Amino acid sequence: MKEVLLTLNLEVGVKGSMVMTRDGVLVHSEMGPPLNGDLVSAVASSTVKDINSALKAAGSDEFTRFIFNSSFGKMIFQDTGDAYLVVVLDKSINLDFTLLSITSAARKIKMLTA
């Protein structure tokens, strides 16, 4: 899993990545400076719980991909089956090619956790 995250972090605009369970528990993180891994994990955990609670209340299934934009950058939450891949990106990155790499990494993580 570490190798998948480190490879993903080499993509243009990727600042860091992590894998967390569906209930928001951190499994593995590869966050480099200037990111605070604990802070990113807390934001990601809270976001996953809140979004899935709102979707459940609306009668929908949990999300498969969620893109969160902020003034700092973007966070992509990608379903991997039993967990979520969370990727922090530069705010000016074009997502077209990066989403392909994120989807590929999510498939690899899914295979590792199956």
C-alpha atoms as a PDB file:
ATOM      1  CA  MET A   1       0.000   0.000   0.000  1.00  0.00           C
ATOM      2  CA  LYS A   2       2.858   2.356   0.844  1.00  0.00           C
ATOM      3  CA  GLU A   3       4.348   1.889  -2.634  1.00  0.00           C
ATOM      4  CA  VAL A   4       1.008   2.684  -4.306  1.00  0.00           C
ATOM      5  CA  LEU A   5       0.682   5.927  -2.316  1.00  0.00           C
ATOM      6  CA  LEU A   6       4.307   6.945  -2.900  1.00  0.00           C
ATOM      7  CA  THR A   7       3.909   6.364  -6.661  1.00  0.00           C
ATOM      8  CA  LEU A   8       0.679   8.376  -6.695  1.00  0.00           C
ATOM      9  CA  ASN A   9       2.423  11.207  -4.829  1.00  0.00           C
ATOM     10  CA  LEU A  10       4.857  11.537  -7.753  1.00  0.00           C
ATOM     11  CA  GLU A  11       2.029  12.709 -10.040  1.00  0.00           C
ATOM     12  CA  VAL A  12       2.017  16.407 -10.933  1.00  0.00           C
ATOM     13  CA  GLY A  13       0.055  18.448  -8.383  1.00  0.00           C
ATOM     14  CA  VAL A  14      -0.342  15.660  -5.800  1.00  0.00           C
ATOM     15  CA  LYS A  15       0.662  16.878  -2.338  1.00  0.00           C
ATOM     16  CA  GLY A  16      -0.056  13.689  -0.426  1.00  0.00           C
ATOM     17  CA  SER A  17      -2.316  10.680  -0.097  1.00  0.00           C
ATOM     18  CA  MET A  18      -3.785   8.340   2.492  1.00  0.00           C
ATOM     19  CA  VAL A  19      -6.087   5.374   2.908  1.00  0.00           C
ATOM     20  CA  MET A  20      -8.823   5.391   5.523  1.00  0.00           C
ATOM     21  CA  THR A  21     -11.594   2.988   6.477  1.00  0.00           C
ATOM     22  CA  ARG A  22     -15.209   3.718   5.634  1.00  0.00           C
ATOM     23  CA  ASP A  23     -15.778   4.887   9.208  1.00  0.00           C
ATOM     24  CA  GLY A  24     -12.869   7.344   9.065  1.00  0.00           C
ATOM     25  CA  VAL A  25      -9.987   5.460  10.700  1.00  0.00           C
ATOM     26  CA  LEU A  26      -6.567   6.139   9.160  1.00  0.00           C
ATOM     27  CA  VAL A  27      -4.937   3.022   7.662  1.00  0.00           C
ATOM     28  CA  HIS A  28      -1.826   4.522   6.043  1.00  0.00           C
ATOM     29  CA  SER A  29      -0.695   8.037   5.191  1.00  0.00           C
ATOM     30  CA  GLU A  30       1.993   9.485   2.933  1.00  0.00           C
ATOM     31  CA  MET A  31       1.733  13.211   3.606  1.00  0.00           C
ATOM     32  CA  GLY A  32       4.822  15.332   3.190  1.00  0.00           C
ATOM     33  CA  PRO A  33       5.555  18.889   4.249  1.00  0.00           C
ATOM     34  CA  PRO A  34       3.919  21.352   4.378  1.00  0.00           C
ATOM     35  CA  LEU A  35       0.913  19.099   5.098  1.00  0.00           C
ATOM     36  CA  ASN A  36       0.140  18.069   8.649  1.00  0.00           C
ATOM     37  CA  GLY A  37      -0.887  14.425   8.298  1.00  0.00           C
ATOM     38  CA  ASP A  38      -2.907  14.435  11.527  1.00  0.00           C
ATOM     39  CA  LEU A  39      -4.857  17.528  10.475  1.00  0.00           C
ATOM     40  CA  VAL A  40      -5.537  16.197   6.960  1.00  0.00           C
ATOM     41  CA  SER A  41      -6.647  12.892   8.469  1.00  0.00           C
ATOM     42  CA  ALA A  42      -9.052  14.656  10.830  1.00  0.00           C
ATOM     43  CA  VAL A  43     -10.556  16.724   8.004  1.00  0.00           C
ATOM     44  CA  ALA A  44     -10.845  13.648   5.764  1.00  0.00           C
ATOM     45  CA  SER A  45     -12.428  11.540   8.501  1.00  0.00           C
ATOM     46  CA  SER A  46     -14.974  14.216   9.344  1.00  0.00           C
ATOM     47  CA  THR A  47     -15.774  14.774   5.660  1.00  0.00           C
ATOM     48  CA  VAL A  48     -16.332  11.068   4.943  1.00  0.00           C
ATOM     49  CA  LYS A  49     -18.606  10.652   7.960  1.00  0.00           C
ATOM     50  CA  ASP A  50     -20.627  13.802   7.251  1.00  0.00           C
ATOM     51  CA  ILE A  51     -21.092  13.185   3.519  1.00  0.00           C
ATOM     52  CA  ASN A  52     -22.112   9.556   3.979  1.00  0.00           C
ATOM     53  CA  SER A  53     -24.498  10.465   6.819  1.00  0.00           C
ATOM     54  CA  ALA A  54     -26.151  13.102   4.629  1.00  0.00           C
ATOM     55  CA  LEU A  55     -26.417  10.685   1.699  1.00  0.00           C
ATOM     56  CA  LYS A  56     -27.901   8.003   3.942  1.00  0.00           C
ATOM     57  CA  ALA A  57     -30.448  10.482   5.320  1.00  0.00           C
ATOM     58  CA  ALA A  58     -31.411  11.315   1.734  1.00  0.00           C
ATOM     59  CA  GLY A  59     -31.884   7.626   0.959  1.00  0.00           C
ATOM     60  CA  SER A  60     -28.772   7.304  -1.206  1.00  0.00           C
ATOM     61  CA  ASP A  61     -25.833   4.934  -1.137  1.00  0.00           C
ATOM     62  CA  GLU A  62     -22.387   6.018   0.044  1.00  0.00           C
ATOM     63  CA  PHE A  63     -20.347   7.994  -2.489  1.00  0.00           C
ATOM     64  CA  THR A  64     -17.856   6.452  -4.890  1.00  0.00           C
ATOM     65  CA  ARG A  65     -15.913   9.656  -5.584  1.00  0.00           C
ATOM     66  CA  PHE A  66     -16.127  13.036  -3.918  1.00  0.00           C
ATOM     67  CA  ILE A  67     -14.118  16.131  -4.905  1.00  0.00           C
ATOM     68  CA  PHE A  68     -13.656  18.773  -2.223  1.00  0.00           C
ATOM     69  CA  ASN A  69     -12.382  22.218  -3.327  1.00  0.00           C
ATOM     70  CA  SER A  70     -10.939  24.766  -0.923  1.00  0.00           C
ATOM     71  CA  SER A  71      -8.682  27.809  -1.047  1.00  0.00           C
ATOM     72  CA  PHE A  72      -5.747  25.558  -0.036  1.00  0.00           C
ATOM     73  CA  GLY A  73      -6.329  22.934  -2.706  1.00  0.00           C
ATOM     74  CA  LYS A  74      -8.435  19.941  -3.611  1.00  0.00           C
ATOM     75  CA  MET A  75      -9.143  16.683  -1.823  1.00  0.00           C
ATOM     76  CA  ILE A  76     -10.327  13.669  -3.786  1.00  0.00           C
ATOM     77  CA  PHE A  77     -12.072  10.856  -1.927  1.00  0.00           C
ATOM     78  CA  GLN A  78     -12.175   7.663  -4.027  1.00  0.00           C
ATOM     79  CA  ASP A  79     -13.934   4.463  -2.969  1.00  0.00           C
ATOM     80  CA  THR A  80     -11.651   1.400  -2.890  1.00  0.00           C
ATOM     81  CA  GLY A  81     -14.169  -1.121  -1.601  1.00  0.00           C
ATOM     82  CA  ASP A  82     -13.470  -1.486   2.122  1.00  0.00           C
ATOM     83  CA  ALA A  83     -11.776   1.916   2.412  1.00  0.00           C
ATOM     84  CA  TYR A  84     -11.294   5.312   0.776  1.00  0.00           C
ATOM     85  CA  LEU A  85      -8.258   6.674  -0.985  1.00  0.00           C
ATOM     86  CA  VAL A  86      -7.855  10.348  -0.073  1.00  0.00           C
ATOM     87  CA  VAL A  87      -5.599  12.515  -2.247  1.00  0.00           C
ATOM     88  CA  VAL A  88      -4.624  16.127  -1.553  1.00  0.00           C
ATOM     89  CA  LEU A  89      -3.935  18.172  -4.687  1.00  0.00           C
ATOM     90  CA  ASP A  90      -2.706  21.607  -5.596  1.00  0.00           C
ATOM     91  CA  LYS A  91      -5.629  23.980  -6.147  1.00  0.00           C
ATOM     92  CA  SER A  92      -4.655  24.809  -9.744  1.00  0.00           C
ATOM     93  CA  ILE A  93      -4.225  21.218 -10.977  1.00  0.00           C
ATOM     94  CA  ASN A  94      -6.221  20.034 -13.983  1.00  0.00           C
ATOM     95  CA  LEU A  95      -8.028  16.919 -12.772  1.00  0.00           C
ATOM     96  CA  ASP A  96      -8.413  15.150 -16.140  1.00  0.00           C
ATOM     97  CA  PHE A  97      -5.158  13.157 -16.093  1.00  0.00           C
ATOM     98  CA  THR A  98      -4.774  13.089 -12.337  1.00  0.00           C
ATOM     99  CA  LEU A  99      -8.150  11.349 -11.913  1.00  0.00           C
ATOM    100  CA  LEU A 100      -6.886   8.518 -14.132  1.00  0.00           C
ATOM    101  CA  SER A 101      -3.914   8.004 -11.803  1.00  0.00           C
ATOM    102  CA  ILE A 102      -6.156   8.210  -8.726  1.00  0.00           C
ATOM    103  CA  THR A 103      -8.573   5.636 -10.177  1.00  0.00           C
ATOM    104  CA  SER A 104      -5.671   3.321 -10.998  1.00  0.00           C
ATOM    105  CA  ALA A 105      -4.246   3.662  -7.483  1.00  0.00           C
ATOM    106  CA  ALA A 106      -7.692   2.989  -5.995  1.00  0.00           C
ATOM    107  CA  ARG A 107      -7.946  -0.249  -8.016  1.00  0.00           C
ATOM    108  CA  LYS A 108      -4.520  -1.359  -6.779  1.00  0.00           C
ATOM    109  CA  ILE A 109      -5.478  -0.616  -3.164  1.00  0.00           C
ATOM    110  CA  LYS A 110      -8.729  -2.519  -3.620  1.00  0.00           C
ATOM    111  CA  MET A 111      -6.767  -5.543  -4.811  1.00  0.00           C
ATOM    112  CA  LEU A 112      -4.408  -5.268  -1.812  1.00  0.00           C
ATOM    113  CA  THR A 113      -7.242  -5.095   0.703  1.00  0.00           C
ATOM    114  CA  ALA A 114      -9.462  -7.800  -0.833  1.00  0.00           C
END
